Amino acid sequence: MGVALDRNQAETAFLDAVRTAMPGIDAGFSATPLGWLGAGDDKTVIARLHDEIASAHMPAGRAYHAVRSWSMLVWQPAMAGIMAVHGQNLALPVDRIGQCVTDGVVYGFRLPAGQSLRTDLAGMIDLTAMRIRAIADHFYAELCAIAPVKEKIAYRLLADRILGTLVHLHAHEPHLGVCAHADRWLAAAGLSGMSGLADVRLASGALHPVLDRKQCCLHYLCEPGTLCQSCPKQPRALRMERMQAYWSAHA
């Protein structure tokens, strides 16, 4: 049996896991630095993020700029919350996350120290999913005041982010069985039915979960003629074939 970690040790283990998965990320448990999201003036920081994305991807158009801004805002709360629950048995205060915005990219975060919780797995999923939804709702209101995004598009993409994080965790730690909890994550976040999972059989013969998305992220507007491997604009059979090839090489 492994040795049970106390909360401080588990938080350190969580940061180690994040830094391994995302080299160079500035992550920690401390106060949010001035100028970051979460330090007091989110609308100004979100407007800067949107302007930087628009400047870098001008030909892609306003719809892409808004959707890309949304995806940038929500990916870290979802990633951090899910990784901590399934990796270190921690429910993080992701509804109070601080995030670093630089050159149109959100990369780096701070979380309040000493506020992580532990309970049973179902309870930690429910609490963390509700916190992810709470911070997402805040960002949605702030972003829409600057660059409106249709609600269905935004929250389908959030559901994709949640399930996509589970898929990547499964690829690295299949013994955790994280995808068995996919429906609970979506239900607790108020996102039931907005994304889904399917299984593909890898070259190795193993079954592997993949995203069965309902919403396009509009990335093709940056690179006309290209679609993400999981893009729902493609026939489903082609999507599954492309994801099978990807995960056969990377799982």
Protein backbone atom coordinates (compact mmCIF):
# COMPACT_ATOMS: atom_id res chain seq x y z
CA MET A 1 0.00 0.00 0.00
CA GLY A 2 1.07 3.56 -0.67
CA VAL A 3 1.53 6.10 2.07
CA ALA A 4 -1.40 8.50 2.45
CA LEU A 5 -0.30 12.09 1.86
CA ASP A 6 -1.42 14.97 4.06
CA ARG A 7 -2.96 18.00 2.37
CA ASN A 8 0.29 19.96 2.03
CA GLN A 9 2.09 16.95 0.57
CA ALA A 10 -0.81 16.33 -1.80
CA GLU A 11 -0.75 19.95 -3.00
CA THR A 12 2.99 19.64 -3.66
CA ALA A 13 2.40 16.36 -5.53
CA PHE A 14 -0.31 18.08 -7.58
CA LEU A 15 2.04 20.91 -8.60
CA ASP A 16 4.72 18.38 -9.50
CA ALA A 17 2.24 16.54 -11.73
CA VAL A 18 1.14 19.76 -13.42
CA ARG A 19 4.73 20.86 -14.07
CA THR A 20 5.56 17.45 -15.52
CA ALA A 21 2.55 17.57 -17.83
CA MET A 22 3.01 21.25 -18.77
CA PRO A 23 6.72 22.17 -18.75
CA GLY A 24 7.51 25.74 -17.83
CA ILE A 25 4.11 26.50 -16.31
CA ASP A 26 4.13 28.99 -13.42
CA ALA A 27 1.82 27.33 -10.89
CA GLY A 28 1.51 27.55 -7.13
CA PHE A 29 -0.57 28.04 -4.02
CA SER A 30 -0.33 31.72 -3.11
CA ALA A 31 -1.91 35.11 -3.68
CA THR A 32 -2.66 36.04 -7.29
CA PRO A 33 -0.11 38.53 -8.72
CA LEU A 34 -1.33 41.93 -9.85
CA GLY A 35 -2.30 42.03 -13.51
CA TRP A 36 -3.45 38.42 -13.57
CA LEU A 37 -7.02 37.23 -13.90
CA GLY A 38 -8.40 36.89 -10.40
CA ALA A 39 -6.44 39.82 -8.98
CA GLY A 40 -9.36 42.23 -9.06
CA ASP A 41 -10.12 43.62 -12.53
CA ASP A 42 -11.04 40.63 -14.66
CA LYS A 43 -12.89 42.61 -17.32
CA THR A 44 -9.75 44.60 -18.19
CA VAL A 45 -7.57 41.47 -18.31
CA ILE A 46 -10.14 39.59 -20.42
CA ALA A 47 -10.34 42.54 -22.82
CA ARG A 48 -6.56 42.46 -23.14
CA LEU A 49 -6.61 38.71 -23.78
CA HIS A 50 -9.24 39.13 -26.48
CA ASP A 51 -7.36 42.00 -28.13
CA GLU A 52 -4.13 40.00 -28.17
CA ILE A 53 -5.89 37.02 -29.75
CA ALA A 54 -7.58 39.26 -32.32
CA SER A 55 -4.24 40.88 -33.19
CA ALA A 56 -2.52 37.52 -33.63
CA HIS A 57 -5.35 35.95 -35.67
CA MET A 58 -6.97 38.90 -37.43
CA PRO A 59 -8.05 37.01 -40.62
CA ALA A 60 -9.86 34.34 -38.55
CA GLY A 61 -12.60 36.83 -37.67
CA ARG A 62 -14.54 37.98 -34.64
CA ALA A 63 -16.32 34.69 -33.94
CA TYR A 64 -13.01 32.86 -33.64
CA HIS A 65 -11.48 35.60 -31.48
CA ALA A 66 -14.36 35.32 -29.01
CA VAL A 67 -14.41 31.51 -28.94
CA ARG A 68 -10.64 31.29 -28.58
CA SER A 69 -10.79 33.76 -25.68
CA TRP A 70 -13.40 31.57 -23.99
CA SER A 71 -11.34 28.41 -24.43
CA MET A 72 -8.30 30.15 -22.97
CA LEU A 73 -10.24 31.36 -19.94
CA VAL A 74 -11.67 28.00 -18.86
CA TRP A 75 -9.03 25.39 -19.67
CA GLN A 76 -6.91 25.77 -16.52
CA PRO A 77 -9.73 25.63 -13.93
CA ALA A 78 -11.01 22.43 -15.58
CA MET A 79 -7.56 20.88 -15.97
CA ALA A 80 -6.39 21.71 -12.46
CA GLY A 81 -9.61 20.65 -10.77
CA ILE A 82 -9.86 17.30 -12.52
CA MET A 83 -6.17 16.42 -12.19
CA ALA A 84 -6.24 17.11 -8.45
CA VAL A 85 -9.38 15.06 -7.77
CA HIS A 86 -8.21 11.97 -9.62
CA GLY A 87 -4.48 12.29 -9.03
CA GLN A 88 -4.15 13.54 -5.44
CA ASN A 89 -7.66 13.15 -3.96
CA LEU A 90 -8.02 16.91 -3.56
CA ALA A 91 -10.91 19.27 -4.26
CA LEU A 92 -9.21 22.54 -5.17
CA PRO A 93 -10.78 26.02 -4.87
CA VAL A 94 -10.70 26.46 -8.66
CA ASP A 95 -13.53 29.00 -8.46
CA ARG A 96 -10.90 31.34 -6.94
CA ILE A 97 -8.10 30.59 -9.38
CA GLY A 98 -5.72 33.32 -10.52
CA GLN A 99 -4.45 33.02 -14.09
CA CYS A 100 -1.53 34.48 -16.04
CA VAL A 101 -2.38 36.10 -19.40
CA THR A 102 0.51 36.83 -21.77
CA ASP A 103 0.45 37.46 -25.53
CA GLY A 104 -2.99 35.98 -26.05
CA VAL A 105 -2.27 32.84 -24.05
CA VAL A 106 -3.45 31.82 -20.56
CA TYR A 107 -0.70 29.71 -18.99
CA GLY A 108 0.10 29.71 -15.32
CA PHE A 109 -2.10 29.86 -12.24
CA ARG A 110 -2.31 30.49 -8.53
CA LEU A 111 -4.70 28.87 -6.05
CA PRO A 112 -5.47 30.00 -2.49
CA ALA A 113 -3.25 28.18 0.00
CA GLY A 114 -4.74 25.93 2.66
CA GLN A 115 -8.20 25.64 1.16
CA SER A 116 -8.05 22.25 -0.57
CA LEU A 117 -10.56 19.71 0.72
CA ARG A 118 -10.80 15.94 0.90
CA THR A 119 -13.91 13.79 1.03
CA ASP A 120 -15.17 10.77 -0.90
CA LEU A 121 -14.54 10.71 -4.66
CA ALA A 122 -18.15 11.44 -5.63
CA GLY A 123 -18.23 14.41 -3.28
CA MET A 124 -14.97 15.82 -4.63
CA ILE A 125 -16.18 15.45 -8.23
CA ASP A 126 -19.46 17.21 -7.43
CA LEU A 127 -17.80 20.06 -5.53
CA THR A 128 -15.05 20.61 -8.10
CA ALA A 129 -17.43 20.45 -11.05
CA MET A 130 -19.68 23.05 -9.43
CA ARG A 131 -16.66 25.27 -8.85
CA ILE A 132 -15.56 24.88 -12.47
CA ARG A 133 -19.05 25.91 -13.55
CA ALA A 134 -19.06 28.87 -11.16
CA ILE A 135 -15.80 30.33 -12.48
CA ALA A 136 -16.89 29.60 -16.06
CA ASP A 137 -20.16 31.48 -15.50
CA HIS A 138 -18.19 34.45 -14.20
CA PHE A 139 -15.88 34.43 -17.22
CA TYR A 140 -18.81 34.00 -19.60
CA ALA A 141 -20.55 37.12 -18.29
CA GLU A 142 -17.34 39.16 -18.40
CA LEU A 143 -16.38 37.98 -21.90
CA CYS A 144 -19.83 38.50 -23.38
CA ALA A 145 -19.71 42.15 -22.31
CA ILE A 146 -16.70 42.46 -24.63
CA ALA A 147 -17.15 39.77 -27.30
CA PRO A 148 -20.40 37.76 -27.17
CA VAL A 149 -20.31 33.98 -27.55
CA LYS A 150 -23.47 31.91 -27.96
CA GLU A 151 -24.20 30.13 -24.71
CA LYS A 152 -24.62 26.71 -26.33
CA ILE A 153 -21.26 27.01 -28.08
CA ALA A 154 -19.45 28.14 -24.94
CA TYR A 155 -20.77 25.44 -22.65
CA ARG A 156 -20.39 22.64 -25.17
CA LEU A 157 -16.74 23.63 -25.44
CA LEU A 158 -16.44 23.61 -21.64
CA ALA A 159 -17.92 20.10 -21.61
CA ASP A 160 -15.35 19.10 -24.25
CA ARG A 161 -12.58 20.49 -22.06
CA ILE A 162 -13.76 18.47 -19.05
CA LEU A 163 -14.04 15.22 -20.96
CA GLY A 164 -10.87 15.91 -22.93
CA THR A 165 -8.97 16.23 -19.65
CA LEU A 166 -10.35 12.86 -18.53
CA VAL A 167 -9.26 11.28 -21.83
CA HIS A 168 -5.70 12.60 -21.44
CA LEU A 169 -5.56 11.41 -17.83
CA HIS A 170 -6.72 7.98 -18.94
CA ALA A 171 -3.96 7.85 -21.56
CA HIS A 172 -1.29 8.39 -18.92
CA GLU A 173 -2.87 6.61 -15.95
CA PRO A 174 -5.44 4.11 -17.25
CA HIS A 175 -5.51 2.30 -13.91
CA LEU A 176 -7.40 5.26 -12.38
CA GLY A 177 -10.50 4.56 -14.49
CA VAL A 178 -11.28 8.27 -14.69
CA CYS A 179 -13.58 8.06 -17.72
CA ALA A 180 -16.03 5.98 -15.73
CA HIS A 181 -16.87 9.24 -13.95
CA ALA A 182 -17.48 11.31 -17.10
CA ASP A 183 -21.26 11.51 -16.72
CA ARG A 184 -20.97 12.61 -13.10
CA TRP A 185 -18.51 15.39 -13.99
CA LEU A 186 -20.85 16.74 -16.66
CA ALA A 187 -23.98 16.42 -14.52
CA ALA A 188 -22.42 18.19 -11.55
CA ALA A 189 -21.27 21.02 -13.83
CA GLY A 190 -24.76 21.34 -15.36
CA LEU A 191 -23.46 20.15 -18.74
CA SER A 192 -25.16 16.78 -19.22
CA GLY A 193 -25.43 15.81 -22.88
CA MET A 194 -23.19 18.64 -24.11
CA SER A 195 -20.28 16.35 -24.99
CA GLY A 196 -19.59 12.65 -24.90
CA LEU A 197 -17.09 9.85 -25.09
CA ALA A 198 -16.71 6.94 -27.48
CA ASP A 199 -14.28 4.03 -27.61
CA VAL A 200 -11.84 3.25 -30.39
CA ARG A 201 -9.69 0.16 -30.71
CA LEU A 202 -6.01 1.04 -30.86
CA ALA A 203 -3.38 -0.69 -32.97
CA SER A 204 -2.40 -2.54 -29.79
CA GLY A 205 -5.89 -4.02 -29.57
CA ALA A 206 -6.80 -2.04 -26.45
CA LEU A 207 -9.94 0.08 -26.25
CA HIS A 208 -9.30 3.78 -25.63
CA PRO A 209 -11.84 6.54 -24.87
CA VAL A 210 -12.00 9.52 -27.24
CA LEU A 211 -14.05 12.70 -27.40
CA ASP A 212 -17.36 12.52 -29.25
CA ARG A 213 -17.83 16.26 -29.63
CA LYS A 214 -20.90 18.28 -30.60
CA GLN A 215 -19.23 21.66 -31.08
CA CYS A 216 -16.55 22.99 -33.42
CA CYS A 217 -13.91 25.25 -31.81
CA LEU A 218 -13.53 27.24 -35.08
CA HIS A 219 -9.79 26.58 -35.27
CA TYR A 220 -10.16 25.86 -38.99
CA LEU A 221 -10.70 29.61 -39.48
CA CYS A 222 -6.99 30.07 -38.62
CA GLU A 223 -5.91 27.34 -41.02
CA PRO A 224 -8.48 27.07 -43.82
CA GLY A 225 -8.93 23.53 -45.10
CA THR A 226 -7.85 21.88 -41.84
CA LEU A 227 -10.03 20.44 -39.10
CA CYS A 228 -9.06 19.16 -35.65
CA GLN A 229 -8.99 15.37 -35.45
CA SER A 230 -12.09 15.40 -33.21
CA CYS A 231 -13.97 18.16 -35.08
CA PRO A 232 -17.69 17.36 -35.44
CA LYS A 233 -17.75 19.02 -38.87
CA GLN A 234 -16.25 15.77 -40.20
CA PRO A 235 -18.18 12.53 -40.74
CA ARG A 236 -18.14 10.59 -37.47
CA ALA A 237 -16.34 7.62 -39.05
CA LEU A 238 -13.49 9.88 -40.19
CA ARG A 239 -13.22 11.48 -36.75
CA MET A 240 -12.96 8.08 -35.09
CA GLU A 241 -10.36 6.94 -37.63
CA ARG A 242 -8.22 10.03 -37.03
CA MET A 243 -8.47 9.73 -33.24
CA GLN A 244 -7.70 6.01 -33.42
CA ALA A 245 -4.50 6.82 -35.33
CA TYR A 246 -3.54 9.58 -32.88
CA TRP A 247 -4.04 7.58 -29.70
CA SER A 248 -2.44 4.47 -31.20
CA ALA A 249 0.70 6.59 -31.47
CA HIS A 250 0.39 8.51 -28.18
CA ALA A 251 -1.47 6.44 -25.57
